[in-house]
Amino acid sequence: MAIIESKPRKPAEPLPLGGDDPPHAGSILALWMALMVLLQLAFWISGARSTALADAVEVGAARVESRGIGEVGDEVVRKAIGLQHDSRWFWTVLALIGDFAVEPIGLALRAGVVATLFGGIALLKGRSVEFSRGMSSCAMVQGFWVLGLAVRVVLAILLRRPEIETSPTLFLSPGPHPGTVWVTLRQLDVFVLIGWLALAWGGWKRGQVGIFGAAMVCGVVFSIEAICRIMFSLVIEAGMRLSLMPEI
């Protein structure tokens, strides 16, 4: 009779606890988005956000009244002033959509696009993709955009000013300036530039892309985002000027 010897089983190795796993990108983005919504809410509740729009409405109404006296009938002037005040709600709703929907979603969209491009380049170059780690890092860097908003909101509330700039617009001389120049300079906000530099630095340090590739990816995405913001801002501001300061 053959004797079968049973070999002792090796003890099962403990499962890794995941201590080296990167934090979940979704949780990080949810935190930043929630903080941004709260900051925007504080901005609106304080009245600082709506002050500029209210001032524009009043200036437009005063302009309509001054130009209409002696040129058109009083009824026409009253209707024009009424339209000025009625249009305020439209622009307010548009601003609310931008602050509470577009800006928070922009955090997730920016992080996802940059992380995907870094991972795709790493795959094409035969490098370690590390998409999860890259996505978490890109999500973490979005905190610079939230920090910039926090600084502007706090200063606007403390100083009781409708708008606080942390961009090169601070160096413009007092007086009117072309809208294109103003909107373009606003895209060079110091916190935004630090955020983009952090995104490029992270992609290079993880080994997904070279320093040139990281700069190219972030530069292209930044340019596309800036162009979209500039075009949208100019269209909105042109519409506001035509509706709030019409020619009678």
C-alpha atoms as a PDB file:
ATOM      1  CA  MET A   1       0.000   0.000   0.000  1.00  0.00           C
ATOM      2  CA  ALA A   2       1.405   3.345  -1.019  1.00  0.00           C
ATOM      3  CA  ILE A   3       1.855   5.837   1.729  1.00  0.00           C
ATOM      4  CA  ILE A   4       0.948   9.394   0.810  1.00  0.00           C
ATOM      5  CA  GLU A   5       2.672  11.976   2.857  1.00  0.00           C
ATOM      6  CA  SER A   6       0.802  15.190   3.321  1.00  0.00           C
ATOM      7  CA  LYS A   7       2.925  18.289   3.192  1.00  0.00           C
ATOM      8  CA  PRO A   8       2.185  20.969   5.721  1.00  0.00           C
ATOM      9  CA  ARG A   9       0.382  23.917   4.214  1.00  0.00           C
ATOM     10  CA  LYS A  10       2.043  27.262   4.281  1.00  0.00           C
ATOM     11  CA  PRO A  11       0.227  29.798   6.351  1.00  0.00           C
ATOM     12  CA  ALA A  12      -1.780  32.205   4.278  1.00  0.00           C
ATOM     13  CA  GLU A  13      -0.058  35.503   3.733  1.00  0.00           C
ATOM     14  CA  PRO A  14      -1.923  38.446   5.160  1.00  0.00           C
ATOM     15  CA  LEU A  15      -3.635  40.640   2.626  1.00  0.00           C
ATOM     16  CA  PRO A  16      -2.086  44.045   2.137  1.00  0.00           C
ATOM     17  CA  LEU A  17      -3.840  46.717   4.098  1.00  0.00           C
ATOM     18  CA  GLY A  18      -3.452  49.267   1.337  1.00  0.00           C
ATOM     19  CA  GLY A  19      -1.431  51.687   3.355  1.00  0.00           C
ATOM     20  CA  ASP A  20       0.531  52.677   0.257  1.00  0.00           C
ATOM     21  CA  ASP A  21      -2.580  53.162  -1.854  1.00  0.00           C
ATOM     22  CA  PRO A  22      -3.235  56.754  -2.890  1.00  0.00           C
ATOM     23  CA  PRO A  23      -6.308  58.454  -1.465  1.00  0.00           C
ATOM     24  CA  HIS A  24      -9.428  58.124  -3.564  1.00  0.00           C
ATOM     25  CA  ALA A  25      -9.647  60.967  -6.068  1.00  0.00           C
ATOM     26  CA  GLY A  26     -13.426  61.109  -5.815  1.00  0.00           C
ATOM     27  CA  SER A  27     -13.328  61.871  -2.098  1.00  0.00           C
ATOM     28  CA  ILE A  28     -10.735  64.597  -2.594  1.00  0.00           C
ATOM     29  CA  LEU A  29     -12.686  66.246  -5.390  1.00  0.00           C
ATOM     30  CA  ALA A  30     -15.916  66.024  -3.409  1.00  0.00           C
ATOM     31  CA  LEU A  31     -14.210  67.840  -0.539  1.00  0.00           C
ATOM     32  CA  TRP A  32     -12.854  70.622  -2.751  1.00  0.00           C
ATOM     33  CA  MET A  33     -16.164  71.011  -4.560  1.00  0.00           C
ATOM     34  CA  ALA A  34     -18.072  71.215  -1.272  1.00  0.00           C
ATOM     35  CA  LEU A  35     -15.643  73.836   0.065  1.00  0.00           C
ATOM     36  CA  MET A  36     -15.978  75.862  -3.128  1.00  0.00           C
ATOM     37  CA  VAL A  37     -19.774  75.795  -2.889  1.00  0.00           C
ATOM     38  CA  LEU A  38     -19.605  76.921   0.753  1.00  0.00           C
ATOM     39  CA  LEU A  39     -17.219  79.752  -0.132  1.00  0.00           C
ATOM     40  CA  GLN A  40     -19.446  80.899  -2.969  1.00  0.00           C
ATOM     41  CA  LEU A  41     -22.433  80.729  -0.635  1.00  0.00           C
ATOM     42  CA  ALA A  42     -20.643  82.922   1.905  1.00  0.00           C
ATOM     43  CA  PHE A  43     -19.742  85.316  -0.896  1.00  0.00           C
ATOM     44  CA  TRP A  44     -23.371  85.680  -1.946  1.00  0.00           C
ATOM     45  CA  ILE A  45     -24.809  85.812   1.579  1.00  0.00           C
ATOM     46  CA  SER A  46     -22.405  88.607   2.526  1.00  0.00           C
ATOM     47  CA  GLY A  47     -23.712  90.644  -0.395  1.00  0.00           C
ATOM     48  CA  ALA A  48     -20.247  91.226  -1.826  1.00  0.00           C
ATOM     49  CA  ARG A  49     -20.929  89.135  -4.934  1.00  0.00           C
ATOM     50  CA  SER A  50     -24.142  90.888  -5.896  1.00  0.00           C
ATOM     51  CA  THR A  51     -22.927  94.428  -5.191  1.00  0.00           C
ATOM     52  CA  ALA A  52     -21.196  94.867  -8.549  1.00  0.00           C
ATOM     53  CA  LEU A  53     -24.257  93.674 -10.461  1.00  0.00           C
ATOM     54  CA  ALA A  54     -26.583  95.904  -8.451  1.00  0.00           C
ATOM     55  CA  ASP A  55     -24.303  98.887  -9.068  1.00  0.00           C
ATOM     56  CA  ALA A  56     -24.301  98.172 -12.808  1.00  0.00           C
ATOM     57  CA  VAL A  57     -28.103  98.082 -12.837  1.00  0.00           C
ATOM     58  CA  GLU A  58     -28.334 101.400 -11.004  1.00  0.00           C
ATOM     59  CA  VAL A  59     -25.764 103.025 -13.282  1.00  0.00           C
ATOM     60  CA  GLY A  60     -27.669 101.785 -16.308  1.00  0.00           C
ATOM     61  CA  ALA A  61     -30.963 103.084 -14.929  1.00  0.00           C
ATOM     62  CA  ALA A  62     -29.417 106.482 -14.197  1.00  0.00           C
ATOM     63  CA  ARG A  63     -27.964 106.622 -17.691  1.00  0.00           C
ATOM     64  CA  VAL A  64     -31.325 105.791 -19.239  1.00  0.00           C
ATOM     65  CA  GLU A  65     -33.035 108.470 -17.184  1.00  0.00           C
ATOM     66  CA  SER A  66     -30.475 111.179 -17.928  1.00  0.00           C
ATOM     67  CA  ARG A  67     -30.450 110.520 -21.676  1.00  0.00           C
ATOM     68  CA  GLY A  68     -34.194 110.132 -21.932  1.00  0.00           C
ATOM     69  CA  ILE A  69     -35.143 113.429 -20.314  1.00  0.00           C
ATOM     70  CA  GLY A  70     -36.268 115.866 -22.985  1.00  0.00           C
ATOM     71  CA  GLU A  71     -35.741 113.378 -25.815  1.00  0.00           C
ATOM     72  CA  VAL A  72     -38.444 110.741 -25.319  1.00  0.00           C
ATOM     73  CA  GLY A  73     -41.658 110.516 -23.349  1.00  0.00           C
ATOM     74  CA  ASP A  74     -41.751 109.831 -19.636  1.00  0.00           C
ATOM     75  CA  GLU A  75     -43.551 106.522 -20.228  1.00  0.00           C
ATOM     76  CA  VAL A  76     -40.722 105.282 -22.457  1.00  0.00           C
ATOM     77  CA  VAL A  77     -38.164 106.243 -19.819  1.00  0.00           C
ATOM     78  CA  ARG A  78     -40.111 104.442 -17.072  1.00  0.00           C
ATOM     79  CA  LYS A  79     -40.347 101.299 -19.170  1.00  0.00           C
ATOM     80  CA  ALA A  80     -36.633 101.413 -19.947  1.00  0.00           C
ATOM     81  CA  ILE A  81     -35.791 101.801 -16.250  1.00  0.00           C
ATOM     82  CA  GLY A  82     -38.134  98.933 -15.404  1.00  0.00           C
ATOM     83  CA  LEU A  83     -36.370  96.727 -17.931  1.00  0.00           C
ATOM     84  CA  GLN A  84     -33.083  97.615 -16.276  1.00  0.00           C
ATOM     85  CA  HIS A  85     -34.254  96.315 -12.910  1.00  0.00           C
ATOM     86  CA  ASP A  86     -35.975  93.262 -14.413  1.00  0.00           C
ATOM     87  CA  SER A  87     -32.802  92.220 -16.250  1.00  0.00           C
ATOM     88  CA  ARG A  88     -30.948  91.993 -12.956  1.00  0.00           C
ATOM     89  CA  TRP A  89     -32.578  88.645 -12.167  1.00  0.00           C
ATOM     90  CA  PHE A  90     -31.429  87.134 -15.448  1.00  0.00           C
ATOM     91  CA  TRP A  91     -27.799  88.094 -14.875  1.00  0.00           C
ATOM     92  CA  THR A  92     -28.030  87.007 -11.236  1.00  0.00           C
ATOM     93  CA  VAL A  93     -29.226  83.527 -12.227  1.00  0.00           C
ATOM     94  CA  LEU A  94     -26.460  83.305 -14.821  1.00  0.00           C
ATOM     95  CA  ALA A  95     -23.870  84.241 -12.192  1.00  0.00           C
ATOM     96  CA  LEU A  96     -25.299  81.669  -9.770  1.00  0.00           C
ATOM     97  CA  ILE A  97     -24.983  78.926 -12.383  1.00  0.00           C
ATOM     98  CA  GLY A  98     -21.373  79.878 -12.989  1.00  0.00           C
ATOM     99  CA  ASP A  99     -20.449  80.028  -9.301  1.00  0.00           C
ATOM    100  CA  PHE A 100     -22.318  76.971  -8.021  1.00  0.00           C
ATOM    101  CA  ALA A 101     -22.178  74.647 -11.043  1.00  0.00           C
ATOM    102  CA  VAL A 102     -19.533  75.554 -13.608  1.00  0.00           C
ATOM    103  CA  GLU A 103     -16.706  76.366 -11.191  1.00  0.00           C
ATOM    104  CA  PRO A 104     -17.069  73.264  -8.935  1.00  0.00           C
ATOM    105  CA  ILE A 105     -17.442  70.943 -11.934  1.00  0.00           C
ATOM    106  CA  GLY A 106     -14.394  72.611 -13.464  1.00  0.00           C
ATOM    107  CA  LEU A 107     -12.255  71.238 -10.625  1.00  0.00           C
ATOM    108  CA  ALA A 108     -13.145  67.642 -11.489  1.00  0.00           C
ATOM    109  CA  LEU A 109     -12.922  68.222 -15.236  1.00  0.00           C
ATOM    110  CA  ARG A 110      -9.486  69.818 -15.002  1.00  0.00           C
ATOM    111  CA  ALA A 111      -8.084  67.047 -12.798  1.00  0.00           C
ATOM    112  CA  GLY A 112      -9.554  64.310 -14.988  1.00  0.00           C
ATOM    113  CA  VAL A 113      -8.268  65.752 -18.266  1.00  0.00           C
ATOM    114  CA  VAL A 114      -4.719  66.308 -17.011  1.00  0.00           C
ATOM    115  CA  ALA A 115      -4.528  62.891 -15.306  1.00  0.00           C
ATOM    116  CA  THR A 116      -5.820  61.169 -18.459  1.00  0.00           C
ATOM    117  CA  LEU A 117      -3.314  62.940 -20.697  1.00  0.00           C
ATOM    118  CA  PHE A 118      -0.427  62.120 -18.348  1.00  0.00           C
ATOM    119  CA  GLY A 119      -1.503  58.470 -18.221  1.00  0.00           C
ATOM    120  CA  GLY A 120      -1.919  58.280 -21.996  1.00  0.00           C
ATOM    121  CA  ILE A 121       1.535  59.713 -22.651  1.00  0.00           C
ATOM    122  CA  ALA A 122       3.046  57.310 -20.104  1.00  0.00           C
ATOM    123  CA  LEU A 123       1.366  54.387 -21.879  1.00  0.00           C
ATOM    124  CA  LEU A 124       2.658  55.491 -25.268  1.00  0.00           C
ATOM    125  CA  LYS A 125       6.179  55.927 -23.899  1.00  0.00           C
ATOM    126  CA  GLY A 126       6.161  52.526 -22.197  1.00  0.00           C
ATOM    127  CA  ARG A 127       6.320  54.022 -18.725  1.00  0.00           C
ATOM    128  CA  SER A 128       4.328  53.153 -15.645  1.00  0.00           C
ATOM    129  CA  VAL A 129       0.843  54.589 -16.148  1.00  0.00           C
ATOM    130  CA  GLU A 130      -0.119  54.926 -12.463  1.00  0.00           C
ATOM    131  CA  PHE A 131      -3.442  56.483 -13.361  1.00  0.00           C
ATOM    132  CA  SER A 132      -4.965  56.117  -9.881  1.00  0.00           C
ATOM    133  CA  ARG A 133      -1.997  57.795  -8.249  1.00  0.00           C
ATOM    134  CA  GLY A 134      -1.914  60.493 -10.888  1.00  0.00           C
ATOM    135  CA  MET A 135      -5.648  61.162 -10.627  1.00  0.00           C
ATOM    136  CA  SER A 136      -5.421  61.468  -6.846  1.00  0.00           C
ATOM    137  CA  SER A 137      -2.481  63.860  -7.147  1.00  0.00           C
ATOM    138  CA  CYS A 138      -4.248  66.008  -9.744  1.00  0.00           C
ATOM    139  CA  ALA A 139      -7.343  66.067  -7.542  1.00  0.00           C
ATOM    140  CA  MET A 140      -5.277  67.172  -4.552  1.00  0.00           C
ATOM    141  CA  VAL A 141      -3.731  70.048  -6.514  1.00  0.00           C
ATOM    142  CA  GLN A 142      -7.199  71.498  -7.187  1.00  0.00           C
ATOM    143  CA  GLY A 143      -6.951  72.858  -3.661  1.00  0.00           C
ATOM    144  CA  PHE A 144      -4.945  75.788  -5.050  1.00  0.00           C
ATOM    145  CA  TRP A 145      -8.022  76.962  -6.980  1.00  0.00           C
ATOM    146  CA  VAL A 146     -10.106  76.643  -3.810  1.00  0.00           C
ATOM    147  CA  LEU A 147      -7.448  78.494  -1.804  1.00  0.00           C
ATOM    148  CA  GLY A 148      -7.448  81.339  -4.303  1.00  0.00           C
ATOM    149  CA  LEU A 149     -11.222  81.639  -4.042  1.00  0.00           C
ATOM    150  CA  ALA A 150     -11.010  81.556  -0.233  1.00  0.00           C
ATOM    151  CA  VAL A 151      -8.512  84.437  -0.213  1.00  0.00           C
ATOM    152  CA  ARG A 152     -10.700  86.540  -2.507  1.00  0.00           C
ATOM    153  CA  VAL A 153     -13.878  85.818  -0.557  1.00  0.00           C
ATOM    154  CA  VAL A 154     -12.348  86.563   2.844  1.00  0.00           C
ATOM    155  CA  LEU A 155     -10.722  89.801   1.660  1.00  0.00           C
ATOM    156  CA  ALA A 156     -13.891  90.915  -0.126  1.00  0.00           C
ATOM    157  CA  ILE A 157     -15.949  90.380   3.034  1.00  0.00           C
ATOM    158  CA  LEU A 158     -13.422  91.989   5.375  1.00  0.00           C
ATOM    159  CA  LEU A 159     -12.696  94.953   3.110  1.00  0.00           C
ATOM    160  CA  ARG A 160     -16.326  95.230   1.958  1.00  0.00           C
ATOM    161  CA  ARG A 161     -15.315  95.378  -1.671  1.00  0.00           C
ATOM    162  CA  PRO A 162     -17.272  93.665  -4.455  1.00  0.00           C
ATOM    163  CA  GLU A 163     -14.196  92.220  -6.150  1.00  0.00           C
ATOM    164  CA  ILE A 164     -10.690  91.328  -4.997  1.00  0.00           C
ATOM    165  CA  GLU A 165      -8.049  90.546  -7.582  1.00  0.00           C
ATOM    166  CA  THR A 166      -5.010  88.307  -7.156  1.00  0.00           C
ATOM    167  CA  SER A 167      -3.944  88.665 -10.788  1.00  0.00           C
ATOM    168  CA  PRO A 168      -1.823  91.174 -12.781  1.00  0.00           C
ATOM    169  CA  THR A 169      -4.895  93.430 -13.044  1.00  0.00           C
ATOM    170  CA  LEU A 170      -3.651  94.874  -9.750  1.00  0.00           C
ATOM    171  CA  PHE A 171      -0.857  96.593 -11.668  1.00  0.00           C
ATOM    172  CA  LEU A 172      -3.144  98.351 -14.159  1.00  0.00           C
ATOM    173  CA  SER A 173      -3.345 102.100 -13.769  1.00  0.00           C
ATOM    174  CA  PRO A 174      -6.597 103.565 -12.421  1.00  0.00           C
ATOM    175  CA  GLY A 175      -9.234 104.261 -15.040  1.00  0.00           C
ATOM    176  CA  PRO A 176     -11.058 102.392 -17.798  1.00  0.00           C
ATOM    177  CA  HIS A 177      -9.304  99.617 -19.690  1.00  0.00           C
ATOM    178  CA  PRO A 178     -10.305  97.435 -22.649  1.00  0.00           C
ATOM    179  CA  GLY A 179     -12.358  94.441 -21.558  1.00  0.00           C
ATOM    180  CA  THR A 180     -10.116  92.031 -23.455  1.00  0.00           C
ATOM    181  CA  VAL A 181      -7.030  93.182 -21.551  1.00  0.00           C
ATOM    182  CA  TRP A 182      -8.785  92.959 -18.192  1.00  0.00           C
ATOM    183  CA  VAL A 183     -10.271  89.491 -18.774  1.00  0.00           C
ATOM    184  CA  THR A 184      -7.013  88.124 -20.198  1.00  0.00           C
ATOM    185  CA  LEU A 185      -4.948  89.310 -17.247  1.00  0.00           C
ATOM    186  CA  ARG A 186      -7.444  87.751 -14.839  1.00  0.00           C
ATOM    187  CA  GLN A 187      -6.550  84.318 -16.228  1.00  0.00           C
ATOM    188  CA  LEU A 188      -3.020  84.794 -14.867  1.00  0.00           C
ATOM    189  CA  ASP A 189      -4.168  84.596 -11.258  1.00  0.00           C
ATOM    190  CA  VAL A 190      -1.271  83.717  -8.947  1.00  0.00           C
ATOM    191  CA  PHE A 191      -3.070  80.757  -7.355  1.00  0.00           C
ATOM    192  CA  VAL A 192      -4.052  79.402 -10.765  1.00  0.00           C
ATOM    193  CA  LEU A 193      -0.472  79.583 -12.022  1.00  0.00           C
ATOM    194  CA  ILE A 194       0.800  77.823  -8.884  1.00  0.00           C
ATOM    195  CA  GLY A 195      -1.803  75.119  -9.400  1.00  0.00           C
ATOM    196  CA  TRP A 196      -0.742  74.487 -12.991  1.00  0.00           C
ATOM    197  CA  LEU A 197       2.915  74.389 -12.008  1.00  0.00           C
ATOM    198  CA  ALA A 198       2.047  71.838  -9.289  1.00  0.00           C
ATOM    199  CA  LEU A 199       0.193  69.683 -11.837  1.00  0.00           C
ATOM    200  CA  ALA A 200       3.184  69.705 -14.202  1.00  0.00           C
ATOM    201  CA  TRP A 201       5.631  69.026 -11.373  1.00  0.00           C
ATOM    202  CA  GLY A 202       3.572  66.083 -10.132  1.00  0.00           C
ATOM    203  CA  GLY A 203       3.391  64.428 -13.550  1.00  0.00           C
ATOM    204  CA  TRP A 204       7.150  64.730 -13.944  1.00  0.00           C
ATOM    205  CA  LYS A 205       7.966  63.488 -10.429  1.00  0.00           C
ATOM    206  CA  ARG A 206       5.760  60.416 -10.885  1.00  0.00           C
ATOM    207  CA  GLY A 207       7.713  59.549 -14.024  1.00  0.00           C
ATOM    208  CA  GLN A 208       4.648  59.593 -16.259  1.00  0.00           C
ATOM    209  CA  VAL A 209       6.025  62.335 -18.502  1.00  0.00           C
ATOM    210  CA  GLY A 210       9.229  64.245 -18.954  1.00  0.00           C
ATOM    211  CA  ILE A 211       9.564  67.829 -17.871  1.00  0.00           C
ATOM    212  CA  PHE A 212       8.918  69.054 -21.412  1.00  0.00           C
ATOM    213  CA  GLY A 213       5.881  66.804 -21.811  1.00  0.00           C
ATOM    214  CA  ALA A 214       4.459  67.930 -18.475  1.00  0.00           C
ATOM    215  CA  ALA A 215       4.885  71.577 -19.450  1.00  0.00           C
ATOM    216  CA  MET A 216       3.279  70.975 -22.837  1.00  0.00           C
ATOM    217  CA  VAL A 217       0.253  69.148 -21.415  1.00  0.00           C
ATOM    218  CA  CYS A 218      -0.423  71.726 -18.726  1.00  0.00           C
ATOM    219  CA  GLY A 219       0.295  74.623 -21.079  1.00  0.00           C
ATOM    220  CA  VAL A 220      -2.153  73.368 -23.719  1.00  0.00           C
ATOM    221  CA  VAL A 221      -4.939  72.575 -21.238  1.00  0.00           C
ATOM    222  CA  PHE A 222      -4.399  75.904 -19.473  1.00  0.00           C
ATOM    223  CA  SER A 223      -4.567  77.765 -22.799  1.00  0.00           C
ATOM    224  CA  ILE A 224      -7.781  76.007 -23.835  1.00  0.00           C
ATOM    225  CA  GLU A 225      -9.405  76.749 -20.480  1.00  0.00           C
ATOM    226  CA  ALA A 226      -8.238  80.365 -20.544  1.00  0.00           C
ATOM    227  CA  ILE A 227      -9.528  80.923 -24.089  1.00  0.00           C
ATOM    228  CA  CYS A 228     -12.922  79.471 -23.170  1.00  0.00           C
ATOM    229  CA  ARG A 229     -13.130  81.685 -20.089  1.00  0.00           C
ATOM    230  CA  ILE A 230     -12.068  84.788 -22.039  1.00  0.00           C
ATOM    231  CA  MET A 231     -14.591  84.220 -24.826  1.00  0.00           C
ATOM    232  CA  PHE A 232     -17.421  83.436 -22.407  1.00  0.00           C
ATOM    233  CA  SER A 233     -16.616  86.450 -20.205  1.00  0.00           C
ATOM    234  CA  LEU A 234     -16.477  88.836 -23.162  1.00  0.00           C
ATOM    235  CA  VAL A 235     -19.806  87.597 -24.527  1.00  0.00           C
ATOM    236  CA  ILE A 236     -21.482  87.884 -21.110  1.00  0.00           C
ATOM    237  CA  GLU A 237     -20.024  91.311 -20.373  1.00  0.00           C
ATOM    238  CA  ALA A 238     -20.989  92.583 -23.833  1.00  0.00           C
ATOM    239  CA  GLY A 239     -24.538  91.363 -23.281  1.00  0.00           C
ATOM    240  CA  MET A 240     -24.667  92.991 -19.853  1.00  0.00           C
ATOM    241  CA  ARG A 241     -23.427  96.288 -21.244  1.00  0.00           C
ATOM    242  CA  LEU A 242     -26.002  96.288 -24.024  1.00  0.00           C
ATOM    243  CA  SER A 243     -28.863  95.444 -21.668  1.00  0.00           C
ATOM    244  CA  LEU A 244     -27.816  97.495 -18.631  1.00  0.00           C
ATOM    245  CA  MET A 245     -26.460 100.527 -20.489  1.00  0.00           C
ATOM    246  CA  PRO A 246     -28.516 100.765 -23.673  1.00  0.00           C
ATOM    247  CA  GLU A 247     -28.505 103.676 -26.065  1.00  0.00           C
ATOM    248  CA  ILE A 248     -31.899 105.409 -26.108  1.00  0.00           C
END
